[in-house]
PDB file of N, CA and C in Angstrom:
ATOM      1  N   MET A   1       0.842  -1.169   0.000  1.00  0.00           N
ATOM      2  CA  MET A   1       0.000   0.000   0.000  1.00  0.00           C
ATOM      3  C   MET A   1       0.889   1.235   0.000  1.00  0.00           C
ATOM      4  N   GLN A   2       0.603   2.171  -0.882  1.00  0.00           N
ATOM      5  CA  GLN A   2       1.371   3.397  -0.965  1.00  0.00           C
ATOM      6  C   GLN A   2       0.824   4.400   0.038  1.00  0.00           C
ATOM      7  N   LYS A   3       1.726   5.015   0.803  1.00  0.00           N
ATOM      8  CA  LYS A   3       1.314   6.004   1.788  1.00  0.00           C
ATOM      9  C   LYS A   3       1.453   7.400   1.203  1.00  0.00           C
ATOM     10  N   GLU A   4       0.616   8.314   1.710  1.00  0.00           N
ATOM     11  CA  GLU A   4       0.700   9.698   1.287  1.00  0.00           C
ATOM     12  C   GLU A   4       1.905  10.348   1.936  1.00  0.00           C
ATOM     13  N   MET A   5       2.488  11.290   1.221  1.00  0.00           N
ATOM     14  CA  MET A   5       3.584  12.049   1.790  1.00  0.00           C
ATOM     15  C   MET A   5       2.972  13.227   2.548  1.00  0.00           C
ATOM     16  N   PRO A   6       3.191  13.326   3.871  1.00  0.00           N
ATOM     17  CA  PRO A   6       2.507  14.336   4.665  1.00  0.00           C
ATOM     18  C   PRO A   6       2.738  15.773   4.215  1.00  0.00           C
ATOM     19  N   PHE A   7       3.910  16.065   3.644  1.00  0.00           N
ATOM     20  CA  PHE A   7       4.161  17.444   3.236  1.00  0.00           C
ATOM     21  C   PHE A   7       3.428  17.807   1.947  1.00  0.00           C
ATOM     22  N   LEU A   8       2.927  16.815   1.229  1.00  0.00           N
ATOM     23  CA  LEU A   8       2.144  17.086   0.033  1.00  0.00           C
ATOM     24  C   LEU A   8       0.643  16.961   0.285  1.00  0.00           C
ATOM     25  N   ALA A   9       0.288  16.254   1.335  1.00  0.00           N
ATOM     26  CA  ALA A   9      -1.118  16.038   1.634  1.00  0.00           C
ATOM     27  C   ALA A   9      -1.721  17.292   2.251  1.00  0.00           C
ATOM     28  N   GLU A  10      -2.964  17.521   1.934  1.00  0.00           N
ATOM     29  CA  GLU A  10      -3.665  18.650   2.524  1.00  0.00           C
ATOM     30  C   GLU A  10      -4.145  18.227   3.911  1.00  0.00           C
ATOM     31  N   THR A  11      -3.697  18.941   4.919  1.00  0.00           N
ATOM     32  CA  THR A  11      -4.097  18.567   6.272  1.00  0.00           C
ATOM     33  C   THR A  11      -5.434  19.214   6.585  1.00  0.00           C
ATOM     34  N   ARG A  12      -6.285  18.449   7.178  1.00  0.00           N
ATOM     35  CA  ARG A  12      -7.567  19.004   7.570  1.00  0.00           C
ATOM     36  C   ARG A  12      -7.631  18.967   9.088  1.00  0.00           C
ATOM     37  N   GLY A  13      -8.182  20.016   9.632  1.00  0.00           N
ATOM     38  CA  GLY A  13      -8.292  20.098  11.073  1.00  0.00           C
ATOM     39  C   GLY A  13      -9.390  19.190  11.587  1.00  0.00           C
ATOM     40  N   LEU A  14      -9.338  18.958  12.867  1.00  0.00           N
ATOM     41  CA  LEU A  14     -10.396  18.149  13.482  1.00  0.00           C
ATOM     42  C   LEU A  14     -11.686  18.953  13.543  1.00  0.00           C
ATOM     43  N   GLN A  15     -12.771  18.307  13.181  1.00  0.00           N
ATOM     44  CA  GLN A  15     -14.095  18.920  13.240  1.00  0.00           C
ATOM     45  C   GLN A  15     -14.936  18.165  14.256  1.00  0.00           C
ATOM     46  N   ASN A  16     -15.896  18.840  14.847  1.00  0.00           N
ATOM     47  CA  ASN A  16     -16.844  18.132  15.698  1.00  0.00           C
ATOM     48  C   ASN A  16     -17.810  17.360  14.809  1.00  0.00           C
ATOM     49  N   ALA A  17     -18.163  16.178  15.268  1.00  0.00           N
ATOM     50  CA  ALA A  17     -19.192  15.393  14.585  1.00  0.00           C
ATOM     51  C   ALA A  17     -20.543  16.025  14.926  1.00  0.00           C
ATOM     52  N   PRO A  18     -21.561  15.824  14.103  1.00  0.00           N
ATOM     53  CA  PRO A  18     -22.880  16.375  14.438  1.00  0.00           C
ATOM     54  C   PRO A  18     -23.344  15.850  15.810  1.00  0.00           C
ATOM     55  N   ASN A  19     -23.697  16.778  16.697  1.00  0.00           N
ATOM     56  CA  ASN A  19     -24.094  16.394  18.061  1.00  0.00           C
ATOM     57  C   ASN A  19     -25.257  15.421  18.094  1.00  0.00           C
ATOM     58  N   GLU A  20     -26.206  15.583  17.163  1.00  0.00           N
ATOM     59  CA  GLU A  20     -27.375  14.687  17.174  1.00  0.00           C
ATOM     60  C   GLU A  20     -26.964  13.235  16.906  1.00  0.00           C
ATOM     61  N   LEU A  21     -25.897  13.040  16.133  1.00  0.00           N
ATOM     62  CA  LEU A  21     -25.401  11.681  15.886  1.00  0.00           C
ATOM     63  C   LEU A  21     -24.628  11.152  17.090  1.00  0.00           C
ATOM     64  N   VAL A  22     -23.805  11.998  17.690  1.00  0.00           N
ATOM     65  CA  VAL A  22     -23.014  11.573  18.850  1.00  0.00           C
ATOM     66  C   VAL A  22     -23.942  11.209  20.003  1.00  0.00           C
ATOM     67  N   GLN A  23     -25.016  11.964  20.189  1.00  0.00           N
ATOM     68  CA  GLN A  23     -25.952  11.706  21.282  1.00  0.00           C
ATOM     69  C   GLN A  23     -26.684  10.379  21.118  1.00  0.00           C
ATOM     70  N   LYS A  24     -26.737   9.853  19.915  1.00  0.00           N
ATOM     71  CA  LYS A  24     -27.383   8.563  19.673  1.00  0.00           C
ATOM     72  C   LYS A  24     -26.471   7.374  19.973  1.00  0.00           C
ATOM     73  N   CYS A  25     -25.194   7.644  20.201  1.00  0.00           N
ATOM     74  CA  CYS A  25     -24.244   6.566  20.513  1.00  0.00           C
ATOM     75  C   CYS A  25     -24.594   5.957  21.867  1.00  0.00           C
ATOM     76  N   ARG A  26     -24.669   4.627  21.915  1.00  0.00           N
ATOM     77  CA  ARG A  26     -25.013   3.930  23.151  1.00  0.00           C
ATOM     78  C   ARG A  26     -23.801   3.691  24.033  1.00  0.00           C
ATOM     79  N   HIS A  27     -22.621   3.660  23.422  1.00  0.00           N
ATOM     80  CA  HIS A  27     -21.387   3.402  24.164  1.00  0.00           C
ATOM     81  C   HIS A  27     -20.207   3.899  23.336  1.00  0.00           C
ATOM     82  N   GLY A  28     -19.016   3.810  23.923  1.00  0.00           N
ATOM     83  CA  GLY A  28     -17.820   4.325  23.275  1.00  0.00           C
ATOM     84  C   GLY A  28     -17.533   3.706  21.921  1.00  0.00           C
ATOM     85  N   LEU A  29     -17.848   2.420  21.773  1.00  0.00           N
ATOM     86  CA  LEU A  29     -17.603   1.773  20.486  1.00  0.00           C
ATOM     87  C   LEU A  29     -18.473   2.381  19.395  1.00  0.00           C
ATOM     88  N   ASP A  30     -19.706   2.740  19.730  1.00  0.00           N
ATOM     89  CA  ASP A  30     -20.557   3.414  18.743  1.00  0.00           C
ATOM     90  C   ASP A  30     -19.924   4.735  18.306  1.00  0.00           C
ATOM     91  N   ALA A  31     -19.305   5.448  19.242  1.00  0.00           N
ATOM     92  CA  ALA A  31     -18.652   6.718  18.906  1.00  0.00           C
ATOM     93  C   ALA A  31     -17.449   6.480  18.000  1.00  0.00           C
ATOM     94  N   ILE A  32     -16.719   5.405  18.247  1.00  0.00           N
ATOM     95  CA  ILE A  32     -15.587   5.056  17.378  1.00  0.00           C
ATOM     96  C   ILE A  32     -16.086   4.687  15.985  1.00  0.00           C
ATOM     97  N   ARG A  33     -17.149   3.912  15.919  1.00  0.00           N
ATOM     98  CA  ARG A  33     -17.737   3.549  14.628  1.00  0.00           C
ATOM     99  C   ARG A  33     -18.203   4.798  13.877  1.00  0.00           C
ATOM    100  N   LEU A  34     -18.847   5.716  14.608  1.00  0.00           N
ATOM    101  CA  LEU A  34     -19.322   6.962  14.000  1.00  0.00           C
ATOM    102  C   LEU A  34     -18.149   7.768  13.455  1.00  0.00           C
ATOM    103  N   CYS A  35     -17.098   7.860  14.227  1.00  0.00           N
ATOM    104  CA  CYS A  35     -15.885   8.570  13.810  1.00  0.00           C
ATOM    105  C   CYS A  35     -15.385   8.024  12.466  1.00  0.00           C
ATOM    106  N   ILE A  36     -15.332   6.712  12.377  1.00  0.00           N
ATOM    107  CA  ILE A  36     -14.844   6.054  11.159  1.00  0.00           C
ATOM    108  C   ILE A  36     -15.803   6.269   9.991  1.00  0.00           C
ATOM    109  N   GLN A  37     -17.108   6.114  10.242  1.00  0.00           N
ATOM    110  CA  GLN A  37     -18.096   6.274   9.173  1.00  0.00           C
ATOM    111  C   GLN A  37     -18.082   7.688   8.595  1.00  0.00           C
ATOM    112  N   LEU A  38     -17.971   8.679   9.473  1.00  0.00           N
ATOM    113  CA  LEU A  38     -17.975  10.062   9.003  1.00  0.00           C
ATOM    114  C   LEU A  38     -16.733  10.397   8.175  1.00  0.00           C
ATOM    115  N   SER A  39     -15.653   9.678   8.427  1.00  0.00           N
ATOM    116  CA  SER A  39     -14.399   9.964   7.725  1.00  0.00           C
ATOM    117  C   SER A  39     -14.401   9.476   6.283  1.00  0.00           C
ATOM    118  N   GLY A  40     -15.101   8.392   6.027  1.00  0.00           N
ATOM    119  CA  GLY A  40     -15.063   7.786   4.698  1.00  0.00           C
ATOM    120  C   GLY A  40     -13.821   6.941   4.466  1.00  0.00           C
ATOM    121  N   ASN A  41     -12.970   6.815   5.486  1.00  0.00           N
ATOM    122  CA  ASN A  41     -11.775   5.977   5.364  1.00  0.00           C
ATOM    123  C   ASN A  41     -12.162   4.505   5.399  1.00  0.00           C
ATOM    124  N   THR A  42     -11.393   3.691   4.702  1.00  0.00           N
ATOM    125  CA  THR A  42     -11.638   2.249   4.739  1.00  0.00           C
ATOM    126  C   THR A  42     -10.999   1.653   5.991  1.00  0.00           C
ATOM    127  N   HIS A  43     -11.517   0.505   6.386  1.00  0.00           N
ATOM    128  CA  HIS A  43     -10.934  -0.203   7.527  1.00  0.00           C
ATOM    129  C   HIS A  43      -9.491  -0.596   7.219  1.00  0.00           C
ATOM    130  N   GLU A  44      -9.227  -0.969   5.982  1.00  0.00           N
ATOM    131  CA  GLU A  44      -7.879  -1.361   5.592  1.00  0.00           C
ATOM    132  C   GLU A  44      -6.889  -0.212   5.776  1.00  0.00           C
ATOM    133  N   TYR A  45      -7.294   0.978   5.350  1.00  0.00           N
ATOM    134  CA  TYR A  45      -6.441   2.155   5.502  1.00  0.00           C
ATOM    135  C   TYR A  45      -6.166   2.435   6.979  1.00  0.00           C
ATOM    136  N   LEU A  46      -7.223   2.410   7.785  1.00  0.00           N
ATOM    137  CA  LEU A  46      -7.061   2.706   9.216  1.00  0.00           C
ATOM    138  C   LEU A  46      -6.199   1.654   9.905  1.00  0.00           C
ATOM    139  N   CYS A  47      -6.378   0.387   9.548  1.00  0.00           N
ATOM    140  CA  CYS A  47      -5.541  -0.682  10.120  1.00  0.00           C
ATOM    141  C   CYS A  47      -4.073  -0.409   9.839  1.00  0.00           C
ATOM    142  N   ALA A  48      -3.772  -0.070   8.595  1.00  0.00           N
ATOM    143  CA  ALA A  48      -2.384   0.173   8.205  1.00  0.00           C
ATOM    144  C   ALA A  48      -1.813   1.376   8.935  1.00  0.00           C
ATOM    145  N   GLU A  49      -2.574   2.448   9.014  1.00  0.00           N
ATOM    146  CA  GLU A  49      -2.080   3.677   9.640  1.00  0.00           C
ATOM    147  C   GLU A  49      -1.963   3.550  11.158  1.00  0.00           C
ATOM    148  N   LEU A  50      -2.884   2.810  11.764  1.00  0.00           N
ATOM    149  CA  LEU A  50      -2.878   2.659  13.225  1.00  0.00           C
ATOM    150  C   LEU A  50      -2.003   1.502  13.693  1.00  0.00           C
ATOM    151  N   GLY A  51      -1.596   0.656  12.757  1.00  0.00           N
ATOM    152  CA  GLY A  51      -0.790  -0.497  13.125  1.00  0.00           C
ATOM    153  C   GLY A  51      -1.586  -1.547  13.885  1.00  0.00           C
ATOM    154  N   ILE A  52      -2.837  -1.720  13.485  1.00  0.00           N
ATOM    155  CA  ILE A  52      -3.713  -2.711  14.108  1.00  0.00           C
ATOM    156  C   ILE A  52      -3.964  -3.830  13.100  1.00  0.00           C
ATOM    157  N   ASP A  53      -3.823  -5.067  13.541  1.00  0.00           N
ATOM    158  CA  ASP A  53      -4.081  -6.233  12.704  1.00  0.00           C
ATOM    159  C   ASP A  53      -5.524  -6.197  12.188  1.00  0.00           C
ATOM    160  N   LYS A  54      -5.714  -6.547  10.909  1.00  0.00           N
ATOM    161  CA  LYS A  54      -7.052  -6.521  10.304  1.00  0.00           C
ATOM    162  C   LYS A  54      -8.056  -7.389  11.044  1.00  0.00           C
ATOM    163  N   GLY A  55      -7.614  -8.561  11.472  1.00  0.00           N
ATOM    164  CA  GLY A  55      -8.510  -9.455  12.206  1.00  0.00           C
ATOM    165  C   GLY A  55      -8.918  -8.857  13.543  1.00  0.00           C
ATOM    166  N   HIS A  56      -7.962  -8.263  14.237  1.00  0.00           N
ATOM    167  CA  HIS A  56      -8.264  -7.632  15.517  1.00  0.00           C
ATOM    168  C   HIS A  56      -9.190  -6.438  15.313  1.00  0.00           C
ATOM    169  N   PHE A  57      -8.952  -5.656  14.251  1.00  0.00           N
ATOM    170  CA  PHE A  57      -9.801  -4.509  13.956  1.00  0.00           C
ATOM    171  C   PHE A  57     -11.233  -4.964  13.677  1.00  0.00           C
ATOM    172  N   SER A  58     -11.369  -6.058  12.967  1.00  0.00           N
ATOM    173  CA  SER A  58     -12.695  -6.613  12.685  1.00  0.00           C
ATOM    174  C   SER A  58     -13.401  -7.006  13.981  1.00  0.00           C
ATOM    175  N   ARG A  59     -12.654  -7.637  14.895  1.00  0.00           N
ATOM    176  CA  ARG A  59     -13.245  -8.005  16.188  1.00  0.00           C
ATOM    177  C   ARG A  59     -13.627  -6.767  16.997  1.00  0.00           C
ATOM    178  N   ILE A  60     -12.835  -5.709  16.903  1.00  0.00           N
ATOM    179  CA  ILE A  60     -13.172  -4.456  17.588  1.00  0.00           C
ATOM    180  C   ILE A  60     -14.502  -3.931  17.069  1.00  0.00           C
ATOM    181  N   MET A  61     -14.639  -3.871  15.751  1.00  0.00           N
ATOM    182  CA  MET A  61     -15.857  -3.332  15.150  1.00  0.00           C
ATOM    183  C   MET A  61     -17.094  -4.174  15.481  1.00  0.00           C
ATOM    184  N   GLN A  62     -16.886  -5.464  15.755  1.00  0.00           N
ATOM    185  CA  GLN A  62     -17.984  -6.355  16.131  1.00  0.00           C
ATOM    186  C   GLN A  62     -18.275  -6.305  17.631  1.00  0.00           C
ATOM    187  N   GLY A  63     -17.449  -5.586  18.384  1.00  0.00           N
ATOM    188  CA  GLY A  63     -17.634  -5.506  19.826  1.00  0.00           C
ATOM    189  C   GLY A  63     -17.063  -6.692  20.570  1.00  0.00           C
ATOM    190  N   LYS A  64     -16.203  -7.457  19.912  1.00  0.00           N
ATOM    191  CA  LYS A  64     -15.613  -8.648  20.532  1.00  0.00           C
ATOM    192  C   LYS A  64     -14.199  -8.401  21.038  1.00  0.00           C
ATOM    193  N   ALA A  65     -13.680  -7.183  20.837  1.00  0.00           N
ATOM    194  CA  ALA A  65     -12.348  -6.807  21.314  1.00  0.00           C
ATOM    195  C   ALA A  65     -12.387  -5.313  21.619  1.00  0.00           C
ATOM    196  N   TRP A  66     -11.417  -4.846  22.397  1.00  0.00           N
ATOM    197  CA  TRP A  66     -11.366  -3.440  22.796  1.00  0.00           C
ATOM    198  C   TRP A  66     -10.497  -2.637  21.855  1.00  0.00           C
ATOM    199  N   PHE A  67     -10.933  -1.428  21.563  1.00  0.00           N
ATOM    200  CA  PHE A  67     -10.106  -0.499  20.793  1.00  0.00           C
ATOM    201  C   PHE A  67      -9.022   0.025  21.731  1.00  0.00           C
ATOM    202  N   PRO A  68      -7.753   0.027  21.311  1.00  0.00           N
ATOM    203  CA  PRO A  68      -6.681   0.480  22.203  1.00  0.00           C
ATOM    204  C   PRO A  68      -6.796   1.974  22.528  1.00  0.00           C
ATOM    205  N   ASP A  69      -6.829   2.291  23.816  1.00  0.00           N
ATOM    206  CA  ASP A  69      -6.924   3.691  24.251  1.00  0.00           C
ATOM    207  C   ASP A  69      -5.778   4.529  23.697  1.00  0.00           C
ATOM    208  N   THR A  70      -4.636   3.938  23.525  1.00  0.00           N
ATOM    209  CA  THR A  70      -3.465   4.675  23.043  1.00  0.00           C
ATOM    210  C   THR A  70      -3.597   5.096  21.583  1.00  0.00           C
ATOM    211  N   LYS A  71      -4.623   4.602  20.893  1.00  0.00           N
ATOM    212  CA  LYS A  71      -4.804   4.902  19.466  1.00  0.00           C
ATOM    213  C   LYS A  71      -5.982   5.861  19.203  1.00  0.00           C
ATOM    214  N   ARG A  72      -6.702   6.262  20.272  1.00  0.00           N
ATOM    215  CA  ARG A  72      -7.904   7.091  20.083  1.00  0.00           C
ATOM    216  C   ARG A  72      -7.599   8.437  19.436  1.00  0.00           C
ATOM    217  N   ILE A  73      -6.587   9.128  19.929  1.00  0.00           N
ATOM    218  CA  ILE A  73      -6.250  10.446  19.380  1.00  0.00           C
ATOM    219  C   ILE A  73      -5.805  10.313  17.926  1.00  0.00           C
ATOM    220  N   GLU A  74      -4.991   9.300  17.670  1.00  0.00           N
ATOM    221  CA  GLU A  74      -4.521   9.066  16.302  1.00  0.00           C
ATOM    222  C   GLU A  74      -5.700   8.756  15.377  1.00  0.00           C
ATOM    223  N   LEU A  75      -6.670   7.970  15.872  1.00  0.00           N
ATOM    224  CA  LEU A  75      -7.863   7.664  15.083  1.00  0.00           C
ATOM    225  C   LEU A  75      -8.615   8.946  14.743  1.00  0.00           C
ATOM    226  N   MET A  76      -8.826   9.800  15.737  1.00  0.00           N
ATOM    227  CA  MET A  76      -9.560  11.042  15.489  1.00  0.00           C
ATOM    228  C   MET A  76      -8.809  11.920  14.485  1.00  0.00           C
ATOM    229  N   ASN A  77      -7.486  11.983  14.597  1.00  0.00           N
ATOM    230  CA  ASN A  77      -6.700  12.766  13.638  1.00  0.00           C
ATOM    231  C   ASN A  77      -6.804  12.202  12.231  1.00  0.00           C
ATOM    232  N   LEU A  78      -6.746  10.881  12.106  1.00  0.00           N
ATOM    233  CA  LEU A  78      -6.864  10.248  10.783  1.00  0.00           C
ATOM    234  C   LEU A  78      -8.255  10.464  10.189  1.00  0.00           C
ATOM    235  N   CYS A  79      -9.272  10.417  11.042  1.00  0.00           N
ATOM    236  CA  CYS A  79     -10.653  10.524  10.572  1.00  0.00           C
ATOM    237  C   CYS A  79     -11.127  11.964  10.441  1.00  0.00           C
ATOM    238  N   GLY A  80     -10.422  12.893  11.078  1.00  0.00           N
ATOM    239  CA  GLY A  80     -10.775  14.301  10.944  1.00  0.00           C
ATOM    240  C   GLY A  80     -11.956  14.749  11.778  1.00  0.00           C
ATOM    241  N   ASN A  81     -12.360  13.941  12.765  1.00  0.00           N
ATOM    242  CA  ASN A  81     -13.464  14.357  13.629  1.00  0.00           C
ATOM    243  C   ASN A  81     -13.229  13.882  15.062  1.00  0.00           C
ATOM    244  N   ARG A  82     -13.987  14.471  15.988  1.00  0.00           N
ATOM    245  CA  ARG A  82     -13.811  14.233  17.421  1.00  0.00           C
ATOM    246  C   ARG A  82     -14.933  13.403  18.040  1.00  0.00           C
ATOM    247  N   ALA A  83     -15.606  12.584  17.294  1.00  0.00           N
ATOM    248  CA  ALA A  83     -16.769  11.862  17.825  1.00  0.00           C
ATOM    249  C   ALA A  83     -16.482  11.135  19.147  1.00  0.00           C
ATOM    250  N   PRO A  84     -15.378  10.378  19.289  1.00  0.00           N
ATOM    251  CA  PRO A  84     -15.132   9.711  20.574  1.00  0.00           C
ATOM    252  C   PRO A  84     -14.948  10.692  21.740  1.00  0.00           C
ATOM    253  N   ALA A  85     -14.252  11.799  21.523  1.00  0.00           N
ATOM    254  CA  ALA A  85     -14.058  12.797  22.575  1.00  0.00           C
ATOM    255  C   ALA A  85     -15.380  13.480  22.912  1.00  0.00           C
ATOM    256  N   GLN A  86     -16.183  13.744  21.910  1.00  0.00           N
ATOM    257  CA  GLN A  86     -17.496  14.346  22.141  1.00  0.00           C
ATOM    258  C   GLN A  86     -18.374  13.417  22.963  1.00  0.00           C
ATOM    259  N   TYR A  87     -18.322  12.132  22.650  1.00  0.00           N
ATOM    260  CA  TYR A  87     -19.107  11.150  23.401  1.00  0.00           C
ATOM    261  C   TYR A  87     -18.676  11.151  24.869  1.00  0.00           C
ATOM    262  N   ASP A  88     -17.357  11.140  25.101  1.00  0.00           N
ATOM    263  CA  ASP A  88     -16.842  11.163  26.475  1.00  0.00           C
ATOM    264  C   ASP A  88     -17.334  12.408  27.212  1.00  0.00           C
ATOM    265  N   ALA A  89     -17.290  13.552  26.539  1.00  0.00           N
ATOM    266  CA  ALA A  89     -17.731  14.799  27.159  1.00  0.00           C
ATOM    267  C   ALA A  89     -19.223  14.731  27.517  1.00  0.00           C
ATOM    268  N   ILE A  90     -20.032  14.254  26.602  1.00  0.00           N
ATOM    269  CA  ILE A  90     -21.470  14.147  26.856  1.00  0.00           C
ATOM    270  C   ILE A  90     -21.748  13.222  28.040  1.00  0.00           C
ATOM    271  N   MET A  91     -21.068  12.084  28.064  1.00  0.00           N
ATOM    272  CA  MET A  91     -21.305  11.093  29.119  1.00  0.00           C
ATOM    273  C   MET A  91     -20.838  11.558  30.500  1.00  0.00           C
ATOM    274  N   THR A  92     -19.939  12.539  30.536  1.00  0.00           N
ATOM    275  CA  THR A  92     -19.459  13.046  31.822  1.00  0.00           C
ATOM    276  C   THR A  92     -20.058  14.405  32.152  1.00  0.00           C
ATOM    277  N   GLY A  93     -21.052  14.833  31.365  1.00  0.00           N
ATOM    278  CA  GLY A  93     -21.744  16.083  31.644  1.00  0.00           C
ATOM    279  C   GLY A  93     -20.919  17.323  31.359  1.00  0.00           C
ATOM    280  N   CYS A  94     -20.008  17.218  30.408  1.00  0.00           N
ATOM    281  CA  CYS A  94     -19.135  18.349  30.068  1.00  0.00           C
ATOM    282  C   CYS A  94     -19.407  18.812  28.640  1.00  0.00           C
ATOM    283  N   ASP A  95     -18.902  20.007  28.340  1.00  0.00           N
ATOM    284  CA  ASP A  95     -18.932  20.522  26.978  1.00  0.00           C
ATOM    285  C   ASP A  95     -17.526  20.443  26.418  1.00  0.00           C
ATOM    286  N   LEU A  96     -17.423  20.037  25.187  1.00  0.00           N
ATOM    287  CA  LEU A  96     -16.141  19.987  24.505  1.00  0.00           C
ATOM    288  C   LEU A  96     -15.950  21.329  23.801  1.00  0.00           C
ATOM    289  N   VAL A  97     -14.951  22.079  24.226  1.00  0.00           N
ATOM    290  CA  VAL A  97     -14.718  23.412  23.683  1.00  0.00           C
ATOM    291  C   VAL A  97     -13.350  23.450  23.023  1.00  0.00           C
ATOM    292  N   GLU A  98     -13.321  23.876  21.771  1.00  0.00           N
ATOM    293  CA  GLU A  98     -12.057  23.967  21.030  1.00  0.00           C
ATOM    294  C   GLU A  98     -11.349  25.265  21.396  1.00  0.00           C
ATOM    295  N   LYS A  99     -10.095  25.134  21.756  1.00  0.00           N
ATOM    296  CA  LYS A  99      -9.297  26.312  22.065  1.00  0.00           C
ATOM    297  C   LYS A  99      -8.404  26.597  20.863  1.00  0.00           C
ATOM    298  N   SER A 100      -8.779  27.600  20.109  1.00  0.00           N
ATOM    299  CA  SER A 100      -7.957  27.948  18.946  1.00  0.00           C
ATOM    300  C   SER A 100      -6.920  28.986  19.349  1.00  0.00           C
ATOM    301  N   LYS A 101      -5.903  29.113  18.568  1.00  0.00           N
ATOM    302  CA  LYS A 101      -4.861  30.104  18.841  1.00  0.00           C
ATOM    303  C   LYS A 101      -5.427  31.518  18.782  1.00  0.00           C
ATOM    304  N   ASP A 102      -6.356  31.754  17.861  1.00  0.00           N
ATOM    305  CA  ASP A 102      -6.953  33.089  17.756  1.00  0.00           C
ATOM    306  C   ASP A 102      -7.696  33.448  19.038  1.00  0.00           C
ATOM    307  N   ALA A 103      -8.432  32.513  19.585  1.00  0.00           N
ATOM    308  CA  ALA A 103      -9.170  32.766  20.824  1.00  0.00           C
ATOM    309  C   ALA A 103      -8.208  33.025  21.978  1.00  0.00           C
ATOM    310  N   GLN A 104      -7.104  32.311  22.012  1.00  0.00           N
ATOM    311  CA  GLN A 104      -6.107  32.520  23.057  1.00  0.00           C
ATOM    312  C   GLN A 104      -5.474  33.901  22.932  1.00  0.00           C
ATOM    313  N   ILE A 105      -5.176  34.324  21.713  1.00  0.00           N
ATOM    314  CA  ILE A 105      -4.584  35.642  21.487  1.00  0.00           C
ATOM    315  C   ILE A 105      -5.546  36.735  21.941  1.00  0.00           C
ATOM    316  N   ILE A 106      -6.810  36.604  21.595  1.00  0.00           N
ATOM    317  CA  ILE A 106      -7.817  37.595  21.993  1.00  0.00           C
ATOM    318  C   ILE A 106      -7.926  37.664  23.514  1.00  0.00           C
ATOM    319  N   ALA A 107      -7.929  36.499  24.163  1.00  0.00           N
ATOM    320  CA  ALA A 107      -8.032  36.463  25.620  1.00  0.00           C
ATOM    321  C   ALA A 107      -6.812  37.101  26.273  1.00  0.00           C
ATOM    322  N   LEU A 108      -5.631  36.834  25.739  1.00  0.00           N
ATOM    323  CA  LEU A 108      -4.415  37.421  26.293  1.00  0.00           C
ATOM    324  C   LEU A 108      -4.381  38.941  26.087  1.00  0.00           C
ATOM    325  N   LYS A 109      -4.827  39.414  24.919  1.00  0.00           N
ATOM    326  CA  LYS A 109      -4.888  40.854  24.674  1.00  0.00           C
ATOM    327  C   LYS A 109      -5.866  41.524  25.638  1.00  0.00           C
ATOM    328  N   ALA A 110      -6.972  40.864  25.903  1.00  0.00           N
ATOM    329  CA  ALA A 110      -7.945  41.406  26.860  1.00  0.00           C
ATOM    330  C   ALA A 110      -7.354  41.477  28.260  1.00  0.00           C
ATOM    331  N   GLN A 111      -6.573  40.471  28.646  1.00  0.00           N
ATOM    332  CA  GLN A 111      -5.918  40.492  29.952  1.00  0.00           C
ATOM    333  C   GLN A 111      -4.910  41.628  30.031  1.00  0.00           C
ATOM    334  N   LEU A 112      -4.135  41.823  28.957  1.00  0.00           N
ATOM    335  CA  LEU A 112      -3.164  42.912  28.923  1.00  0.00           C
ATOM    336  C   LEU A 112      -3.859  44.271  29.011  1.00  0.00           C
ATOM    337  N   ALA A 113      -4.965  44.409  28.287  1.00  0.00           N
ATOM    338  CA  ALA A 113      -5.717  45.667  28.324  1.00  0.00           C
ATOM    339  C   ALA A 113      -6.255  45.931  29.728  1.00  0.00           C
ATOM    340  N   ALA A 114      -6.719  44.883  30.396  1.00  0.00           N
ATOM    341  CA  ALA A 114      -7.237  45.032  31.762  1.00  0.00           C
ATOM    342  C   ALA A 114      -6.136  45.453  32.725  1.00  0.00           C
ATOM    343  N   LEU A 115      -4.918  45.061  32.432  1.00  0.00           N
ATOM    344  CA  LEU A 115      -3.777  45.426  33.269  1.00  0.00           C
ATOM    345  C   LEU A 115      -3.205  46.791  32.892  1.00  0.00           C
ATOM    346  N   GLY A 116      -3.709  47.372  31.785  1.00  0.00           N
ATOM    347  CA  GLY A 116      -3.234  48.666  31.342  1.00  0.00           C
ATOM    348  C   GLY A 116      -1.964  48.613  30.531  1.00  0.00           C
ATOM    349  N   VAL A 117      -1.648  47.461  29.979  1.00  0.00           N
ATOM    350  CA  VAL A 117      -0.447  47.282  29.174  1.00  0.00           C
ATOM    351  C   VAL A 117      -0.840  47.301  27.704  1.00  0.00           C
ATOM    352  N   ALA A 118      -0.125  48.087  26.896  1.00  0.00           N
ATOM    353  CA  ALA A 118      -0.402  48.138  25.460  1.00  0.00           C
ATOM    354  C   ALA A 118       0.045  46.860  24.783  1.00  0.00           C
ATOM    355  N   ALA A 119      -0.793  46.327  23.895  1.00  0.00           N
ATOM    356  CA  ALA A 119      -0.473  45.069  23.211  1.00  0.00           C
ATOM    357  C   ALA A 119       0.259  45.315  21.930  1.00  0.00           C
TER     358      ALA A 119
END
């Protein structure tokens, strides 16, 4: 299988999955399945990129094996969405809030202005 060269590939940022779909997830595996479905990536591609055996990946998708926690962030990055993280946030009564650099800059400028320091 030929891999993409990262410096030539267009990187896409992580997007939130539609909340109405995430809220329908019954458990974490449903959120992982949703993450994969929304990406349009094949199981074969994800197996190769994540370094997971195809047979084990098949058992994971059937609910007969556990998805490795150490691969969750990598999965979300490959799939381009945060469905598993959103599910975790919903189940723990939290909101998932993206902290962008622009928002941080605005907040820091506001703090400087409050202190009377020119930005």
